[in-house]
Amino acid sequence: DLVRMYAHIIAPGWRTLDLLEHTEEAIHKAVRRDNPKASPPRLKCARKGPDEVVIHYSSPRHMCGVAKGIVRGLARHYGEKVSLTEPTCMLKGGSECQLVVKRLH
């Protein structure tokens, strides 16, 4: 699984939202370094508070479904409950997908 594959660059204290927030500079940077032919999507993530991250996803492949699956898989891995909404989506005409992830208590 992805968490085990990149455990060496995931901070021990990170949980779902932390990993999402740092995916671009940690995971995707390592993917691009280790495999120059790889082209993971560029993400812009904004932490809106301790319980919310907004992910701006843009890719010519329009694989936002994979991104949503990764969010759900991370939450399951860490035993957390999250809500996931998508105010804009490239598949529905948006210029990007915006994923809003909130940790539920």
Foldseek 3Di string as FASTA:
>chain_A
DVCVVQVVQDDPPDALVRCVQCCQVTVVVVVCVVPVVDDDWHWHWDDPDPFKIKIWTADPVQVVVVVVVVSVVRCVVRVWDKDWDWPDGVVVPDRTTIIMIGTDD
